[in-house]
Amino acid sequence: MDPLSVIQRLGSGHTLEDLYDALTTTAQEVVATGKPGTVTLTLKVSNKGQGNPLVIVEETVARTSPRKDPRGAIFYALDGALHREDPRQVRMDFRILDPETGEIRSVDEARNERKVE
């Protein structure tokens, strides 16, 4: 029996399909991430005892996806806590002056009015 025939018989004939699926999925992930992945076919060979010519071949198809770069986030670590904004920075509240009426409105109010229009 040639090696390909042996592999074709493993897993009731589904091992090559599983191997191909793992390979194509990993290849797509490699293209998407630019990072390497792995596909492994492991064959475990055992028998019932020393001298027994009957061997059992068990297959395992495994794959490792490429690792994606962590996105992370930026924080300010002050006073034993993490902050999204620098608590040392003076907060500036911006307002909008309506040139026609002289009315002063917050930026949030002006944004809400624009969305409604």
Protein backbone atom coordinates (compact mmCIF):
# COMPACT_ATOMS: atom_id res chain seq x y z
CA MET A 1 0.00 0.00 0.00
CA ASP A 2 1.37 3.45 -0.87
CA PRO A 3 1.38 6.30 1.70
CA LEU A 4 -1.52 8.19 0.11
CA SER A 5 -3.70 5.06 0.20
CA VAL A 6 -2.98 4.68 3.91
CA ILE A 7 -3.97 8.29 4.63
CA GLN A 8 -7.10 7.96 2.46
CA ARG A 9 -8.32 5.08 4.66
CA LEU A 10 -7.90 6.99 7.92
CA GLY A 11 -10.96 8.47 9.60
CA SER A 12 -13.34 6.46 7.44
CA GLY A 13 -11.99 8.35 4.44
CA HIS A 14 -12.54 11.82 5.90
CA THR A 15 -9.03 12.64 7.10
CA LEU A 16 -7.89 14.12 3.78
CA GLU A 17 -11.02 16.29 3.68
CA ASP A 18 -10.40 17.44 7.26
CA LEU A 19 -6.77 18.15 6.43
CA TYR A 20 -7.73 20.15 3.34
CA ASP A 21 -10.38 22.13 5.26
CA ALA A 22 -7.87 22.96 7.99
CA LEU A 23 -5.30 23.98 5.39
CA THR A 24 -7.63 26.26 3.41
CA THR A 25 -9.07 27.90 6.55
CA THR A 26 -5.59 28.56 7.93
CA ALA A 27 -4.43 29.89 4.56
CA GLN A 28 -7.31 32.40 4.51
CA GLU A 29 -6.42 33.55 8.03
CA VAL A 30 -2.75 33.90 7.07
CA VAL A 31 -3.72 36.10 4.11
CA ALA A 32 -6.00 38.21 6.33
CA THR A 33 -3.47 38.69 9.15
CA GLY A 34 -0.10 38.41 7.42
CA LYS A 35 1.00 36.11 10.22
CA PRO A 36 1.87 32.39 10.03
CA GLY A 37 -0.43 29.57 11.12
CA THR A 38 0.12 25.82 11.33
CA VAL A 39 -1.69 22.68 10.23
CA THR A 40 -0.57 19.41 11.77
CA LEU A 41 -1.42 15.84 10.85
CA THR A 42 -0.42 13.51 13.67
CA LEU A 43 -0.40 9.74 13.20
CA LYS A 44 -0.29 7.67 16.38
CA VAL A 45 0.75 4.05 15.75
CA SER A 46 0.12 1.44 18.44
CA ASN A 47 -0.50 -2.30 18.77
CA LYS A 48 -1.85 -4.79 21.30
CA GLY A 49 1.54 -6.01 22.42
CA GLN A 50 5.14 -6.68 21.51
CA GLY A 51 5.50 -8.93 18.49
CA ASN A 52 1.88 -8.49 17.38
CA PRO A 53 1.90 -7.40 13.70
CA LEU A 54 -1.55 -5.82 13.95
CA VAL A 55 -1.11 -2.04 14.29
CA ILE A 56 -3.64 0.67 14.90
CA VAL A 57 -3.08 4.05 13.23
CA GLU A 58 -5.00 6.96 14.77
CA GLU A 59 -5.06 10.32 13.06
CA THR A 60 -5.43 13.82 14.47
CA VAL A 61 -5.75 16.95 12.35
CA ALA A 62 -5.01 20.13 14.28
CA ARG A 63 -4.47 23.72 13.31
CA THR A 64 -3.29 26.87 14.98
CA SER A 65 -4.72 30.16 13.77
CA PRO A 66 -2.38 33.08 13.21
CA ARG A 67 -2.15 35.33 16.25
CA LYS A 68 -3.70 38.70 15.72
CA ASP A 69 -1.91 41.78 16.99
CA PRO A 70 -3.55 43.13 20.12
CA ARG A 71 -5.32 46.43 19.56
CA GLY A 72 -4.83 47.75 23.06
CA ALA A 73 -5.97 51.11 24.37
CA ILE A 74 -4.36 54.19 25.87
CA PHE A 75 -5.03 55.16 29.48
CA TYR A 76 -3.63 57.56 32.03
CA ALA A 77 -2.48 55.76 35.18
CA LEU A 78 -2.76 58.26 38.03
CA ASP A 79 -3.77 58.04 41.68
CA GLY A 80 -4.03 54.23 41.57
CA ALA A 81 -6.62 54.19 38.79
CA LEU A 82 -6.85 54.17 34.99
CA HIS A 83 -8.45 57.14 33.24
CA ARG A 84 -9.55 57.62 29.65
CA GLU A 85 -8.67 61.31 29.83
CA ASP A 86 -5.78 62.94 31.66
CA PRO A 87 -7.28 64.06 34.99
CA ARG A 88 -4.53 66.68 35.31
CA GLN A 89 -5.76 68.40 32.16
CA VAL A 90 -8.15 71.31 32.65
CA ARG A 91 -11.45 70.42 31.03
CA MET A 92 -12.63 72.98 28.50
CA ASP A 93 -16.33 73.29 27.84
CA PHE A 94 -16.96 74.70 24.40
CA ARG A 95 -20.10 76.65 23.62
CA ILE A 96 -21.55 78.05 20.45
CA LEU A 97 -22.78 81.61 20.08
CA ASP A 98 -25.69 82.03 17.69
CA PRO A 99 -24.71 85.16 15.71
CA GLU A 100 -28.33 86.11 15.00
CA THR A 101 -29.86 85.74 18.47
CA GLY A 102 -26.79 86.00 20.68
CA GLU A 103 -27.91 82.80 22.40
CA ILE A 104 -25.15 80.68 23.92
CA ARG A 105 -25.62 76.93 23.51
CA SER A 106 -23.49 73.93 24.42
CA VAL A 107 -21.81 71.99 21.64
CA ASP A 108 -23.99 68.96 22.43
CA GLU A 109 -27.19 71.00 21.99
CA ALA A 110 -25.98 72.28 18.63
CA ARG A 111 -25.11 68.77 17.48
CA ASN A 112 -28.56 67.47 18.45
CA GLU A 113 -30.24 70.29 16.51
CA ARG A 114 -28.23 69.44 13.38
CA LYS A 115 -29.25 65.78 13.58
CA VAL A 116 -32.96 66.68 13.79
CA GLU A 117 -32.90 68.97 10.76
